[in-house]
Amino acid sequence: MSNNMLIYLIVALNAACHAMLIWRLKLGRWAKWKYCSLAVGIPLLIAMGMRLMVAVGVMHGRVAEQAGIERLVTSLAGMLLIAGPLMATGAAIIFGRKKRDVAAQHANVPENCG
């Protein structure tokens, strides 16, 4: 298996793991689908965008032939391939905690406050 395929396999497994983590959270079905699609969609869009830039000729396919700005874009895309699902999982966790906190605050408010 070539290095490109192994990288895509690692990114796909990372996205799948984060999607499973998000699905296990106590969220509504809509929120689960939203955050799971973010965890899978971010790396998919980044990979497709990079492949498109290489195919069109905007960037060189080999890192050794890339200029400074191309290397910067490649580095940022590589970071987002791994960090994108992590950020989606973090956002889902924060959303779930905030939703529970708001529900707890509404449960503790007396009916007649006056």
Protein backbone atom coordinates (compact mmCIF):
# COMPACT_ATOMS: atom_id res chain seq x y z
CA MET A 1 0.00 0.00 0.00
CA SER A 2 1.37 3.41 -0.94
CA ASN A 3 2.07 6.15 1.58
CA ASN A 4 -0.83 8.26 0.25
CA MET A 5 -3.30 5.46 0.88
CA LEU A 6 -1.93 4.86 4.38
CA ILE A 7 -2.34 8.54 5.20
CA TYR A 8 -5.93 8.49 3.96
CA LEU A 9 -6.57 5.33 5.97
CA ILE A 10 -5.21 6.95 9.15
CA VAL A 11 -7.32 10.08 8.58
CA ALA A 12 -10.45 8.00 7.87
CA LEU A 13 -9.94 5.88 11.00
CA ASN A 14 -9.38 9.02 13.08
CA ALA A 15 -12.61 10.56 11.74
CA ALA A 16 -14.50 7.32 12.37
CA CYS A 17 -13.24 7.14 15.96
CA HIS A 18 -14.32 10.70 16.63
CA ALA A 19 -17.71 10.06 15.03
CA MET A 20 -18.17 7.10 17.38
CA LEU A 21 -17.16 9.24 20.36
CA ILE A 22 -19.64 11.93 19.36
CA TRP A 23 -22.40 9.36 18.85
CA ARG A 24 -21.90 8.10 22.41
CA LEU A 25 -22.53 11.55 23.90
CA LYS A 26 -25.92 12.31 25.39
CA LEU A 27 -27.10 14.71 22.72
CA GLY A 28 -30.18 14.99 20.57
CA ARG A 29 -30.24 13.11 17.29
CA TRP A 30 -29.91 16.33 15.26
CA ALA A 31 -26.85 17.44 17.25
CA LYS A 32 -25.26 13.99 16.90
CA TRP A 33 -25.70 14.04 13.13
CA LYS A 34 -24.41 17.61 12.92
CA TYR A 35 -21.24 16.99 14.88
CA CYS A 36 -20.59 13.57 13.30
CA SER A 37 -20.90 15.09 9.85
CA LEU A 38 -18.45 17.79 10.89
CA ALA A 39 -15.99 15.20 12.20
CA VAL A 40 -16.11 13.29 8.92
CA GLY A 41 -16.66 16.23 6.58
CA ILE A 42 -13.79 18.47 7.64
CA PRO A 43 -11.01 16.01 6.73
CA LEU A 44 -12.89 14.93 3.61
CA LEU A 45 -13.16 18.51 2.35
CA ILE A 46 -9.54 19.27 3.22
CA ALA A 47 -8.27 16.16 1.41
CA MET A 48 -10.44 16.84 -1.63
CA GLY A 49 -9.35 20.47 -1.71
CA MET A 50 -5.67 19.56 -1.55
CA ARG A 51 -6.08 16.90 -4.26
CA LEU A 52 -7.92 19.41 -6.42
CA MET A 53 -5.16 22.02 -6.00
CA VAL A 54 -2.55 19.44 -7.00
CA ALA A 55 -4.63 18.26 -9.98
CA VAL A 56 -5.23 21.81 -11.24
CA GLY A 57 -1.56 22.66 -10.82
CA VAL A 58 -1.86 25.30 -8.12
CA MET A 59 0.45 23.24 -5.88
CA HIS A 60 3.15 20.68 -6.49
CA GLY A 61 2.34 17.14 -5.44
CA ARG A 62 5.75 16.53 -3.89
CA VAL A 63 6.73 18.47 -0.80
CA ALA A 64 10.35 18.73 -1.98
CA GLU A 65 9.21 20.78 -4.99
CA GLN A 66 6.94 23.12 -3.06
CA ALA A 67 7.67 26.75 -2.40
CA GLY A 68 7.38 28.29 1.08
CA ILE A 69 3.70 29.28 0.87
CA GLU A 70 2.81 25.88 -0.61
CA ARG A 71 4.54 24.15 2.29
CA LEU A 72 2.64 26.34 4.73
CA VAL A 73 -0.68 25.44 3.10
CA THR A 74 0.30 21.75 3.10
CA SER A 75 1.25 21.91 6.78
CA LEU A 76 -1.98 23.65 7.75
CA ALA A 77 -4.02 21.14 5.75
CA GLY A 78 -2.19 18.26 7.43
CA MET A 79 -2.92 19.70 10.84
CA LEU A 80 -6.59 20.14 9.99
CA LEU A 81 -6.82 16.56 8.72
CA ILE A 82 -6.09 15.31 12.23
CA ALA A 83 -7.36 18.24 14.31
CA GLY A 84 -10.65 18.76 12.44
CA PRO A 85 -12.42 15.74 13.97
CA LEU A 86 -10.87 16.56 17.33
CA MET A 87 -12.31 20.08 17.19
CA ALA A 88 -15.73 18.71 16.20
CA THR A 89 -15.63 16.32 19.16
CA GLY A 90 -14.61 19.14 21.50
CA ALA A 91 -17.43 21.32 20.18
CA ALA A 92 -19.93 18.49 20.73
CA ILE A 93 -18.73 17.98 24.30
CA ILE A 94 -18.94 21.70 25.06
CA PHE A 95 -22.40 21.87 23.46
CA GLY A 96 -23.59 18.94 25.58
CA ARG A 97 -22.24 20.43 28.80
CA LYS A 98 -23.73 23.83 28.06
CA LYS A 99 -27.10 22.25 27.28
CA ARG A 100 -27.05 20.32 30.58
CA ASP A 101 -26.03 23.43 32.52
CA VAL A 102 -28.86 25.48 31.01
CA ALA A 103 -31.34 22.69 31.75
CA ALA A 104 -30.10 22.49 35.36
CA GLN A 105 -30.44 26.26 35.78
CA HIS A 106 -34.01 26.18 34.47
CA ALA A 107 -34.85 23.33 36.84
CA ASN A 108 -33.62 25.34 39.86
CA VAL A 109 -35.57 28.53 39.04
CA PRO A 110 -38.77 28.83 41.14
CA GLU A 111 -42.09 29.25 39.28
CA ASN A 112 -43.09 32.54 40.92
CA CYS A 113 -40.12 34.84 41.29
CA GLY A 114 -42.01 37.78 42.58
